[in-house]
Amino acid sequence: MRATTLVILAFFIMVFIAITVLWFINRPHNQRVTEIRSHLTALQGDGSRYDTTMISGLPGPAIRYFRNALGDGVSLPRRIEVVMRGEIRTGPESEWMPFEGRQVLARNAGFLWEAEVDLGAMMWLKGADYYYAGEGRVWFSLNSLIPVVTASGPFVDRSAAGRLLIEQVLIPSALLPLYGAEWTAVDDHHAEVLMELDGVEGRLTLRIDDDGQLVHVVMPRVQGDEQGNEVIRPFGVRFEDYGTFDGISIPSRIAAGWEFGTDDYFEFFIAEFVEVSFY
């Protein structure tokens, strides 16, 4: 009986040690996430308000877009915060997994996406995907303990910068020439928008319907291949449904994937916005 007690005690000691070690492994990431969240949530608009002179001389699709997205006199935000829920998958043949997430995104500064993915069988992935001060990183841990999805390095930095550029369409004012965006008409329903962030160029192609709503946006973006090499692939976001929040109209349901517009298109992310706030 005594031997059995010692075995059980040893088991619990080993579990405690393992959890402690994993806590210390995750600690630097968790501290960095807290730090980035603090920096981003401190950013807000400077009080500037939208007026139609800001879009003078822009091509037709751009004018329709801004007329739909921004009401005259609306305050121009620096930051958006979104509570979302949706589904995500890791490959074309993989099962869709539900998630709940929260994202803070600040124009020309960074983003932080925190999420918990339900794997079923009392298992989950919890972590964050972020870009700030030139650094991009992905870090998700199984049951909040064991790091299983991690990525960092120069190509991750550039890919994350590309994600920020393309997702800035969620802050329509970020596409104003006032903040450095350069518009070129392709045809009556397509326009290119050129933006730059930390040396990364984003050339977005927007499809805009007759009502000025975004249908989709696509941009060449850095991705790593199976051998860990950096490649450039078309990354696109489809938009469904629209909502008006704080006087700003944006899509309220999105779907994203790689190889957008090709036969190899792989959609891996679908989300609907539950709460949206601008600052």
Protein backbone atom coordinates (compact mmCIF):
# COMPACT_ATOMS: atom_id res chain seq x y z
CA MET A 1 0.00 0.00 0.00
CA ARG A 2 2.86 2.31 0.87
CA ALA A 3 4.53 1.65 -2.48
CA THR A 4 1.29 2.51 -4.27
CA THR A 5 1.06 5.78 -2.35
CA LEU A 6 4.62 6.66 -3.31
CA VAL A 7 3.90 5.95 -6.99
CA ILE A 8 0.82 8.18 -6.93
CA LEU A 9 2.74 10.92 -5.14
CA ALA A 10 5.58 10.69 -7.66
CA PHE A 11 3.08 10.91 -10.52
CA PHE A 12 1.52 14.10 -9.16
CA ILE A 13 4.93 15.62 -8.55
CA MET A 14 5.90 14.90 -12.18
CA VAL A 15 2.64 16.42 -13.42
CA PHE A 16 3.25 19.51 -11.29
CA ILE A 17 6.78 19.85 -12.61
CA ALA A 18 5.60 19.43 -16.22
CA ILE A 19 2.89 22.08 -15.82
CA THR A 20 5.37 24.45 -14.19
CA VAL A 21 7.89 23.97 -17.02
CA LEU A 22 5.19 24.55 -19.65
CA TRP A 23 4.00 27.66 -17.82
CA PHE A 24 7.52 29.09 -17.98
CA ILE A 25 7.78 28.18 -21.69
CA ASN A 26 4.54 30.05 -22.43
CA ARG A 27 5.28 32.97 -20.13
CA PRO A 28 7.38 35.13 -22.52
CA HIS A 29 4.72 34.82 -25.22
CA ASN A 30 1.91 35.69 -22.81
CA GLN A 31 3.83 38.70 -21.54
CA ARG A 32 4.46 39.90 -25.10
CA VAL A 33 0.77 39.55 -25.96
CA THR A 34 -0.18 41.59 -22.90
CA GLU A 35 2.36 44.24 -23.85
CA ILE A 36 1.14 44.47 -27.47
CA ARG A 37 -2.50 44.60 -26.38
CA SER A 38 -1.65 47.49 -24.08
CA HIS A 39 0.18 49.41 -26.83
CA LEU A 40 -2.53 48.91 -29.44
CA THR A 41 -5.50 49.71 -27.21
CA ALA A 42 -3.84 53.00 -26.29
CA LEU A 43 -4.06 54.18 -29.92
CA GLN A 44 -7.07 56.18 -31.03
CA GLY A 45 -8.14 58.75 -33.57
CA ASP A 46 -6.89 62.32 -33.30
CA GLY A 47 -10.35 63.85 -33.63
CA SER A 48 -10.23 64.37 -37.41
CA ARG A 49 -13.58 64.09 -39.16
CA TYR A 50 -14.41 62.88 -42.63
CA ASP A 51 -15.51 65.23 -45.36
CA THR A 52 -15.89 64.70 -49.08
CA THR A 53 -12.89 66.89 -49.98
CA MET A 54 -10.74 63.99 -48.75
CA ILE A 55 -11.80 61.90 -51.76
CA SER A 56 -11.64 64.63 -54.37
CA GLY A 57 -10.07 63.36 -57.58
CA LEU A 58 -10.30 59.68 -56.68
CA PRO A 59 -11.62 57.19 -59.30
CA GLY A 60 -15.29 56.22 -59.41
CA PRO A 61 -15.05 52.93 -57.47
CA ALA A 62 -13.21 54.71 -54.64
CA ILE A 63 -15.80 57.47 -54.42
CA ARG A 64 -18.63 54.90 -54.24
CA TYR A 65 -16.73 53.00 -51.58
CA PHE A 66 -16.15 55.97 -49.29
CA ARG A 67 -19.66 57.34 -49.76
CA ASN A 68 -21.00 54.00 -48.55
CA ALA A 69 -18.45 53.45 -45.76
CA LEU A 70 -18.15 56.90 -44.18
CA GLY A 71 -20.86 59.38 -43.34
CA ASP A 72 -20.02 63.06 -43.72
CA GLY A 73 -18.57 64.36 -40.47
CA VAL A 74 -17.93 60.94 -38.93
CA SER A 75 -14.88 60.76 -36.66
CA LEU A 76 -11.91 59.00 -38.29
CA PRO A 77 -10.77 56.17 -36.02
CA ARG A 78 -7.26 54.80 -35.55
CA ARG A 79 -8.34 51.48 -34.11
CA ILE A 80 -11.02 48.79 -34.45
CA GLU A 81 -11.83 46.08 -31.91
CA VAL A 82 -13.87 43.07 -32.98
CA VAL A 83 -15.36 40.16 -31.07
CA MET A 84 -15.95 37.31 -33.51
CA ARG A 85 -16.87 33.68 -33.84
CA GLY A 86 -16.46 31.32 -36.74
CA GLU A 87 -14.66 28.29 -38.10
CA ILE A 88 -11.08 27.56 -39.11
CA ARG A 89 -9.22 24.65 -40.68
CA THR A 90 -5.62 23.69 -41.39
CA GLY A 91 -5.94 22.09 -44.83
CA PRO A 92 -8.31 21.51 -47.76
CA GLU A 93 -9.24 18.06 -46.44
CA SER A 94 -9.29 19.06 -42.76
CA GLU A 95 -12.40 19.38 -40.64
CA TRP A 96 -13.70 22.85 -39.82
CA MET A 97 -13.16 23.72 -36.15
CA PRO A 98 -15.23 26.35 -34.30
CA PHE A 99 -13.46 29.24 -32.62
CA GLU A 100 -14.16 32.37 -30.64
CA GLY A 101 -11.82 35.30 -30.96
CA ARG A 102 -11.10 38.93 -30.35
CA GLN A 103 -9.00 41.23 -32.54
CA VAL A 104 -7.63 44.69 -32.04
CA LEU A 105 -6.20 46.36 -35.15
CA ALA A 106 -4.68 49.83 -35.38
CA ARG A 107 -4.01 51.61 -38.66
CA ASN A 108 -0.35 51.43 -39.71
CA ALA A 109 0.62 50.10 -36.28
CA GLY A 110 -0.32 46.46 -35.73
CA PHE A 111 -2.91 43.84 -34.90
CA LEU A 112 -3.47 41.24 -32.22
CA TRP A 113 -5.82 38.31 -32.82
CA GLU A 114 -6.50 36.16 -29.75
CA ALA A 115 -8.60 33.05 -30.13
CA GLU A 116 -9.62 29.74 -28.66
CA VAL A 117 -10.25 26.88 -31.09
CA ASP A 118 -12.45 23.97 -29.98
CA LEU A 119 -10.85 20.66 -30.95
CA GLY A 120 -13.50 18.51 -29.26
CA ALA A 121 -12.96 15.78 -26.66
CA MET A 122 -12.19 18.42 -24.00
CA MET A 123 -9.25 19.75 -26.01
CA TRP A 124 -8.64 23.23 -27.34
CA LEU A 125 -6.01 25.49 -28.83
CA LYS A 126 -5.54 28.90 -27.27
CA GLY A 127 -3.15 31.58 -28.37
CA ALA A 128 -2.55 34.60 -30.55
CA ASP A 129 -1.42 35.82 -33.94
CA TYR A 130 0.07 39.31 -33.99
CA TYR A 131 2.11 41.98 -35.74
CA TYR A 132 3.63 44.95 -33.97
CA ALA A 133 6.80 47.06 -34.35
CA GLY A 134 7.97 44.98 -37.31
CA GLU A 135 7.52 41.64 -35.51
CA GLY A 136 5.04 38.94 -36.49
CA ARG A 137 4.36 35.79 -34.54
CA VAL A 138 1.95 32.88 -34.20
CA TRP A 139 1.73 30.95 -30.93
CA PHE A 140 -1.04 28.51 -29.97
CA SER A 141 -0.90 25.99 -27.14
CA LEU A 142 -2.86 22.78 -26.66
CA ASN A 143 -5.16 23.19 -23.65
CA SER A 144 -3.33 26.47 -22.97
CA LEU A 145 -0.18 24.54 -21.99
CA ILE A 146 1.67 22.69 -24.76
CA PRO A 147 2.89 24.91 -27.64
CA VAL A 148 1.92 23.13 -30.86
CA VAL A 149 1.50 25.91 -33.45
CA THR A 150 4.36 28.40 -33.44
CA ALA A 151 5.93 30.52 -36.15
CA SER A 152 8.28 33.48 -36.19
CA GLY A 153 11.13 34.90 -38.24
CA PRO A 154 11.63 37.31 -41.14
CA PHE A 155 9.10 35.80 -43.56
CA VAL A 156 6.49 35.60 -40.76
CA ASP A 157 7.14 39.29 -40.07
CA ARG A 158 6.46 40.16 -43.72
CA SER A 159 3.43 37.89 -43.95
CA ALA A 160 1.94 39.41 -40.81
CA ALA A 161 2.58 42.91 -42.15
CA GLY A 162 0.68 41.86 -45.28
CA ARG A 163 -2.21 40.65 -43.14
CA LEU A 164 -2.37 44.03 -41.42
CA LEU A 165 -2.40 45.85 -44.75
CA ILE A 166 -5.21 43.76 -46.19
CA GLU A 167 -7.29 43.79 -42.99
CA GLN A 168 -7.06 47.56 -42.75
CA VAL A 169 -10.09 47.60 -45.05
CA LEU A 170 -11.98 47.05 -41.77
CA ILE A 171 -11.01 50.65 -40.96
CA PRO A 172 -12.20 52.33 -44.19
CA SER A 173 -10.49 55.62 -43.33
CA ALA A 174 -7.14 53.78 -43.49
CA LEU A 175 -7.65 53.72 -47.27
CA LEU A 176 -7.89 57.50 -47.55
CA PRO A 177 -5.10 59.34 -49.41
CA LEU A 178 -4.75 61.32 -46.16
CA TYR A 179 -3.00 58.25 -44.69
CA GLY A 180 -0.87 57.43 -47.73
CA ALA A 181 -3.15 55.15 -49.76
CA GLU A 182 -2.79 55.52 -53.54
CA TRP A 183 -5.84 54.58 -55.66
CA THR A 184 -5.87 53.50 -59.31
CA ALA A 185 -9.00 52.48 -61.19
CA VAL A 186 -8.89 49.15 -63.03
CA ASP A 187 -12.47 49.31 -64.32
CA ASP A 188 -15.81 50.48 -62.98
CA HIS A 189 -15.91 47.78 -60.29
CA HIS A 190 -12.23 47.20 -59.53
CA ALA A 191 -9.53 49.43 -58.13
CA GLU A 192 -5.99 48.99 -56.88
CA VAL A 193 -4.87 50.54 -53.62
CA LEU A 194 -1.15 50.80 -52.89
CA MET A 195 -0.04 51.05 -49.25
CA GLU A 196 3.24 50.50 -47.43
CA LEU A 197 4.11 49.36 -43.93
CA ASP A 198 7.58 48.84 -42.45
CA GLY A 199 9.07 48.32 -45.90
CA VAL A 200 6.35 45.86 -46.97
CA GLU A 201 4.31 46.97 -49.97
CA GLY A 202 0.67 46.05 -50.18
CA ARG A 203 -1.01 46.25 -53.58
CA LEU A 204 -4.66 45.53 -52.86
CA THR A 205 -7.17 44.85 -55.62
CA LEU A 206 -10.68 45.69 -54.43
CA ARG A 207 -13.93 44.65 -56.07
CA ILE A 208 -16.61 47.26 -55.26
CA ASP A 209 -20.25 46.82 -56.25
CA ASP A 210 -22.69 49.44 -57.51
CA ASP A 211 -23.68 50.34 -53.95
CA GLY A 212 -20.09 50.94 -52.88
CA GLN A 213 -19.82 47.78 -50.81
CA LEU A 214 -16.70 45.62 -50.89
CA VAL A 215 -17.19 42.25 -52.55
CA HIS A 216 -13.64 41.03 -52.03
CA VAL A 217 -10.04 42.15 -51.71
CA VAL A 218 -6.94 40.27 -52.86
CA MET A 219 -3.24 40.98 -52.43
CA PRO A 220 0.06 39.19 -53.12
CA ARG A 221 1.27 38.07 -49.67
CA VAL A 222 4.25 36.21 -48.25
CA GLN A 223 3.70 32.62 -47.17
CA GLY A 224 6.01 29.75 -46.26
CA ASP A 225 5.88 26.57 -48.34
CA GLU A 226 6.21 22.99 -47.08
CA GLN A 227 10.00 23.25 -47.23
CA GLY A 228 10.01 26.45 -45.19
CA ASN A 229 10.84 28.66 -48.19
CA GLU A 230 9.28 32.07 -48.68
CA VAL A 231 6.81 32.32 -51.56
CA ILE A 232 4.36 34.96 -52.72
CA ARG A 233 0.76 33.85 -53.18
CA PRO A 234 -2.53 35.68 -53.76
CA PHE A 235 -4.35 36.03 -50.46
CA GLY A 236 -7.97 37.12 -50.57
CA VAL A 237 -10.90 37.96 -48.35
CA ARG A 238 -14.57 37.65 -49.36
CA PHE A 239 -17.14 39.85 -47.70
CA GLU A 240 -20.73 38.99 -46.86
CA ASP A 241 -23.31 41.08 -45.03
CA TYR A 242 -22.73 44.64 -43.89
CA GLY A 243 -23.25 46.48 -40.65
CA THR A 244 -22.92 50.08 -39.50
CA PHE A 245 -20.96 50.69 -36.31
CA ASP A 246 -20.30 54.16 -34.90
CA GLY A 247 -21.39 55.62 -38.24
CA ILE A 248 -18.97 53.47 -40.26
CA SER A 249 -20.20 50.72 -42.60
CA ILE A 250 -18.05 47.60 -42.91
CA PRO A 251 -18.60 43.91 -43.73
CA SER A 252 -19.82 41.88 -40.77
CA ARG A 253 -19.00 38.43 -42.17
CA ILE A 254 -15.72 37.49 -43.85
CA ALA A 255 -14.05 34.44 -45.40
CA ALA A 256 -10.34 34.26 -46.24
CA GLY A 257 -7.98 31.98 -48.09
CA TRP A 258 -4.80 31.49 -50.10
CA GLU A 259 -4.52 31.23 -53.90
CA PHE A 260 -7.53 33.49 -54.20
CA GLY A 261 -8.96 33.64 -57.71
CA THR A 262 -7.23 30.43 -58.86
CA ASP A 263 -8.25 26.78 -59.16
CA ASP A 264 -6.12 26.09 -56.06
CA TYR A 265 -8.08 28.45 -53.83
CA PHE A 266 -8.02 27.20 -50.23
CA GLU A 267 -10.46 28.92 -47.89
CA PHE A 268 -9.51 28.29 -44.29
CA PHE A 269 -11.16 31.04 -42.24
CA ILE A 270 -14.81 32.11 -41.83
CA ALA A 271 -15.97 34.58 -39.20
CA GLU A 272 -18.94 36.71 -38.27
CA PHE A 273 -18.55 39.82 -36.15
CA VAL A 274 -20.45 39.80 -32.87
CA GLU A 275 -19.29 43.16 -31.53
CA VAL A 276 -17.48 46.01 -33.31
CA SER A 277 -16.10 49.22 -31.80
CA PHE A 278 -14.04 52.03 -33.33
CA TYR A 279 -11.66 54.33 -31.46
